[in-house]
Amino acid sequence: MLINAPITNLFIRVSQSGFYRGFSKDVTITAKILVGTLILWAIAFPDNAASVLGQLNNLILASFNYWYIYTMAFFVILCFALALWPKVDI
C-alpha cells in the first residue's frame, strides 16, 4: 500500500503590505468581527450575556473540569518555562 507524503508546502495567502502584512486577512478580519460582535452583545445586553456566558462556563467546568484544569496548568507552566529558557539562536 502506497502512503502519500505529508503536505508540507501549503499556500496560505498573506498580505504583503499594509497593516496586515504577514498575516492572513481572512483569519484576522473574521476573528475581529467575532470578538467585536461578542463585545457589542455584552455591552448592549449585559444581563443576557452574563447569563449565557455564565451557563457556558458552568457547562465547560462541569463537563471538562479536570481536563480543563490540567490543560490550563500545563500552559501556565509552559509559559513560565519559555520565559525562563535562555535565548537560542538558530
N, C-alpha and C. Protein backbone atom coordinates (compact mmCIF):
# COMPACT_ATOMS: atom_id res chain seq x y z
N MET A 1 0.84 -1.18 0.00
CA MET A 1 0.00 0.00 0.00
C MET A 1 0.89 1.24 0.00
N LEU A 2 0.62 2.17 -0.90
CA LEU A 2 1.40 3.39 -1.05
C LEU A 2 0.84 4.46 -0.11
N ILE A 3 1.73 5.04 0.68
CA ILE A 3 1.32 6.11 1.59
C ILE A 3 1.80 7.43 1.02
N ASN A 4 0.90 8.36 0.89
CA ASN A 4 1.26 9.67 0.36
C ASN A 4 2.11 10.44 1.35
N ALA A 5 3.02 11.25 0.83
CA ALA A 5 3.85 12.10 1.67
C ALA A 5 2.98 13.18 2.31
N PRO A 6 3.35 13.62 3.50
CA PRO A 6 2.56 14.68 4.13
C PRO A 6 2.68 15.99 3.35
N ILE A 7 1.65 16.77 3.42
CA ILE A 7 1.65 18.05 2.72
C ILE A 7 2.44 19.04 3.56
N THR A 8 3.53 19.53 3.00
CA THR A 8 4.37 20.48 3.74
C THR A 8 4.41 21.85 3.09
N ASN A 9 4.16 21.94 1.81
CA ASN A 9 4.17 23.22 1.13
C ASN A 9 2.74 23.67 0.86
N LEU A 10 2.14 24.28 1.83
CA LEU A 10 0.78 24.79 1.68
C LEU A 10 0.82 26.26 1.32
N PHE A 11 0.02 26.64 0.37
CA PHE A 11 -0.07 28.05 0.01
C PHE A 11 -1.09 28.72 0.92
N ILE A 12 -0.62 29.64 1.71
CA ILE A 12 -1.50 30.40 2.59
C ILE A 12 -1.37 31.87 2.20
N ARG A 13 -2.49 32.44 1.78
CA ARG A 13 -2.45 33.84 1.34
C ARG A 13 -2.22 34.75 2.53
N VAL A 14 -1.19 35.56 2.46
CA VAL A 14 -0.92 36.56 3.48
C VAL A 14 -0.75 37.90 2.79
N SER A 15 -1.05 38.93 3.51
CA SER A 15 -0.93 40.27 2.97
C SER A 15 0.56 40.63 2.84
N GLN A 16 0.92 41.25 1.75
CA GLN A 16 2.31 41.61 1.51
C GLN A 16 2.65 43.01 1.98
N SER A 17 1.64 43.82 2.26
CA SER A 17 1.91 45.19 2.70
C SER A 17 0.76 45.67 3.58
N GLY A 18 0.98 46.79 4.18
CA GLY A 18 -0.07 47.39 4.99
C GLY A 18 -0.14 46.86 6.41
N PHE A 19 -1.24 47.16 7.06
CA PHE A 19 -1.42 46.81 8.47
C PHE A 19 -1.38 45.31 8.70
N TYR A 20 -1.90 44.52 7.77
CA TYR A 20 -1.98 43.07 7.92
C TYR A 20 -0.79 42.34 7.29
N ARG A 21 0.31 43.04 7.03
CA ARG A 21 1.46 42.43 6.38
C ARG A 21 1.93 41.19 7.15
N GLY A 22 2.02 40.07 6.45
CA GLY A 22 2.46 38.82 7.05
C GLY A 22 1.35 38.00 7.69
N PHE A 23 0.14 38.53 7.70
CA PHE A 23 -0.99 37.83 8.29
C PHE A 23 -2.03 37.52 7.23
N SER A 24 -2.84 36.51 7.48
CA SER A 24 -3.95 36.19 6.59
C SER A 24 -5.11 37.12 6.92
N LYS A 25 -5.53 37.89 5.94
CA LYS A 25 -6.65 38.82 6.17
C LYS A 25 -7.93 38.07 6.50
N ASP A 26 -8.13 36.91 5.88
CA ASP A 26 -9.35 36.13 6.13
C ASP A 26 -9.47 35.77 7.60
N VAL A 27 -8.39 35.33 8.18
CA VAL A 27 -8.41 34.89 9.58
C VAL A 27 -8.52 36.08 10.52
N THR A 28 -7.71 37.12 10.30
CA THR A 28 -7.69 38.24 11.25
C THR A 28 -8.99 39.03 11.23
N ILE A 29 -9.52 39.29 10.05
CA ILE A 29 -10.75 40.08 9.97
C ILE A 29 -11.93 39.29 10.53
N THR A 30 -12.00 37.99 10.24
CA THR A 30 -13.07 37.16 10.81
C THR A 30 -12.99 37.13 12.32
N ALA A 31 -11.79 36.99 12.88
CA ALA A 31 -11.63 36.98 14.33
C ALA A 31 -12.04 38.32 14.93
N LYS A 32 -11.66 39.41 14.29
CA LYS A 32 -12.04 40.74 14.80
C LYS A 32 -13.55 40.94 14.78
N ILE A 33 -14.20 40.46 13.73
CA ILE A 33 -15.66 40.58 13.65
C ILE A 33 -16.32 39.76 14.76
N LEU A 34 -15.85 38.53 14.98
CA LEU A 34 -16.44 37.69 16.03
C LEU A 34 -16.23 38.29 17.42
N VAL A 35 -15.03 38.75 17.71
CA VAL A 35 -14.75 39.34 19.03
C VAL A 35 -15.52 40.64 19.19
N GLY A 36 -15.56 41.45 18.15
CA GLY A 36 -16.32 42.71 18.21
C GLY A 36 -17.80 42.48 18.45
N THR A 37 -18.35 41.48 17.78
CA THR A 37 -19.76 41.14 17.97
C THR A 37 -20.02 40.68 19.40
N LEU A 38 -19.13 39.87 19.94
CA LEU A 38 -19.27 39.42 21.33
C LEU A 38 -19.22 40.61 22.29
N ILE A 39 -18.31 41.54 22.06
CA ILE A 39 -18.18 42.71 22.93
C ILE A 39 -19.43 43.59 22.83
N LEU A 40 -19.90 43.83 21.61
CA LEU A 40 -21.11 44.64 21.44
C LEU A 40 -22.33 43.99 22.09
N TRP A 41 -22.44 42.68 21.97
CA TRP A 41 -23.54 41.95 22.61
C TRP A 41 -23.46 42.11 24.13
N ALA A 42 -22.25 41.99 24.69
CA ALA A 42 -22.09 42.12 26.14
C ALA A 42 -22.38 43.54 26.62
N ILE A 43 -22.08 44.54 25.79
CA ILE A 43 -22.37 45.93 26.16
C ILE A 43 -23.86 46.23 26.02
N ALA A 44 -24.47 45.77 24.93
CA ALA A 44 -25.87 46.07 24.66
C ALA A 44 -26.83 45.30 25.57
N PHE A 45 -26.49 44.05 25.86
CA PHE A 45 -27.36 43.20 26.68
C PHE A 45 -26.55 42.53 27.79
N PRO A 46 -26.12 43.30 28.79
CA PRO A 46 -25.21 42.74 29.80
C PRO A 46 -25.82 41.61 30.63
N ASP A 47 -27.09 41.71 30.96
CA ASP A 47 -27.72 40.65 31.77
C ASP A 47 -27.83 39.35 30.97
N ASN A 48 -28.25 39.46 29.72
CA ASN A 48 -28.36 38.29 28.86
C ASN A 48 -26.99 37.66 28.63
N ALA A 49 -25.98 38.51 28.33
CA ALA A 49 -24.63 38.00 28.08
C ALA A 49 -24.06 37.33 29.32
N ALA A 50 -24.27 37.93 30.49
CA ALA A 50 -23.77 37.34 31.73
C ALA A 50 -24.41 35.99 31.99
N SER A 51 -25.71 35.89 31.73
CA SER A 51 -26.41 34.63 31.93
C SER A 51 -25.91 33.55 30.98
N VAL A 52 -25.84 33.88 29.69
CA VAL A 52 -25.43 32.89 28.70
C VAL A 52 -23.97 32.48 28.90
N LEU A 53 -23.09 33.46 29.09
CA LEU A 53 -21.67 33.14 29.27
C LEU A 53 -21.42 32.41 30.58
N GLY A 54 -22.19 32.73 31.62
CA GLY A 54 -22.08 32.01 32.88
C GLY A 54 -22.51 30.56 32.74
N GLN A 55 -23.61 30.33 32.02
CA GLN A 55 -24.06 28.96 31.78
C GLN A 55 -23.04 28.19 30.95
N LEU A 56 -22.45 28.84 29.96
CA LEU A 56 -21.42 28.20 29.14
C LEU A 56 -20.20 27.85 29.98
N ASN A 57 -19.79 28.75 30.86
CA ASN A 57 -18.67 28.48 31.74
C ASN A 57 -18.98 27.31 32.67
N ASN A 58 -20.17 27.29 33.24
CA ASN A 58 -20.56 26.18 34.12
C ASN A 58 -20.58 24.85 33.37
N LEU A 59 -21.07 24.87 32.13
CA LEU A 59 -21.10 23.66 31.31
C LEU A 59 -19.68 23.15 31.04
N ILE A 60 -18.78 24.06 30.69
CA ILE A 60 -17.39 23.66 30.41
C ILE A 60 -16.76 23.09 31.67
N LEU A 61 -16.93 23.77 32.79
CA LEU A 61 -16.31 23.29 34.03
C LEU A 61 -16.93 21.98 34.52
N ALA A 62 -18.23 21.78 34.28
CA ALA A 62 -18.88 20.55 34.72
C ALA A 62 -18.49 19.38 33.81
N SER A 63 -18.30 19.64 32.53
CA SER A 63 -18.02 18.57 31.59
C SER A 63 -16.54 18.21 31.50
N PHE A 64 -15.69 19.22 31.59
CA PHE A 64 -14.27 19.01 31.36
C PHE A 64 -13.43 19.50 32.54
N ASN A 65 -13.94 19.39 33.75
CA ASN A 65 -13.31 20.03 34.90
C ASN A 65 -11.84 19.65 35.08
N TYR A 66 -11.50 18.39 35.24
CA TYR A 66 -10.10 18.04 35.48
C TYR A 66 -9.25 18.23 34.25
N TRP A 67 -9.78 17.87 33.09
CA TRP A 67 -9.03 18.05 31.86
C TRP A 67 -8.73 19.54 31.65
N TYR A 68 -9.70 20.39 31.91
CA TYR A 68 -9.54 21.84 31.76
C TYR A 68 -8.48 22.36 32.72
N ILE A 69 -8.55 21.95 33.97
CA ILE A 69 -7.60 22.41 34.97
C ILE A 69 -6.18 21.95 34.63
N TYR A 70 -6.01 20.68 34.24
CA TYR A 70 -4.69 20.18 33.89
C TYR A 70 -4.14 20.85 32.64
N THR A 71 -5.00 21.10 31.67
CA THR A 71 -4.55 21.77 30.45
C THR A 71 -4.11 23.20 30.74
N MET A 72 -4.89 23.92 31.53
CA MET A 72 -4.51 25.29 31.87
C MET A 72 -3.23 25.32 32.70
N ALA A 73 -3.08 24.39 33.62
CA ALA A 73 -1.86 24.31 34.41
C ALA A 73 -0.66 24.01 33.51
N PHE A 74 -0.84 23.12 32.53
CA PHE A 74 0.24 22.82 31.60
C PHE A 74 0.67 24.07 30.84
N PHE A 75 -0.31 24.85 30.35
CA PHE A 75 0.03 26.04 29.59
C PHE A 75 0.69 27.11 30.46
N VAL A 76 0.28 27.24 31.70
CA VAL A 76 0.92 28.20 32.60
C VAL A 76 2.37 27.78 32.85
N ILE A 77 2.59 26.50 33.12
CA ILE A 77 3.95 26.00 33.34
C ILE A 77 4.78 26.16 32.08
N LEU A 78 4.19 25.88 30.92
CA LEU A 78 4.89 26.05 29.66
C LEU A 78 5.29 27.50 29.44
N CYS A 79 4.40 28.43 29.76
CA CYS A 79 4.72 29.85 29.61
C CYS A 79 5.88 30.25 30.53
N PHE A 80 5.86 29.78 31.76
CA PHE A 80 6.97 30.06 32.67
C PHE A 80 8.27 29.46 32.14
N ALA A 81 8.20 28.23 31.65
CA ALA A 81 9.41 27.57 31.14
C ALA A 81 9.96 28.32 29.93
N LEU A 82 9.09 28.75 29.03
CA LEU A 82 9.55 29.50 27.86
C LEU A 82 10.10 30.87 28.25
N ALA A 83 9.53 31.47 29.28
CA ALA A 83 10.02 32.78 29.73
C ALA A 83 11.40 32.64 30.37
N LEU A 84 11.66 31.53 31.04
CA LEU A 84 12.94 31.33 31.72
C LEU A 84 13.99 30.69 30.83
N TRP A 85 13.58 30.09 29.72
CA TRP A 85 14.51 29.39 28.81
C TRP A 85 15.45 30.42 28.18
N PRO A 86 16.73 30.15 28.18
CA PRO A 86 17.65 31.10 27.56
C PRO A 86 17.43 31.18 26.05
N LYS A 87 17.72 32.34 25.51
CA LYS A 87 17.51 32.55 24.08
C LYS A 87 18.43 31.62 23.29
N VAL A 88 17.86 31.00 22.26
CA VAL A 88 18.62 30.08 21.42
C VAL A 88 18.64 30.67 20.01
N ASP A 89 19.82 30.89 19.47
CA ASP A 89 19.94 31.38 18.10
C ASP A 89 20.02 30.20 17.15
N ILE A 90 19.19 30.26 16.15
CA ILE A 90 19.18 29.18 15.16
C ILE A 90 19.79 29.65 13.86
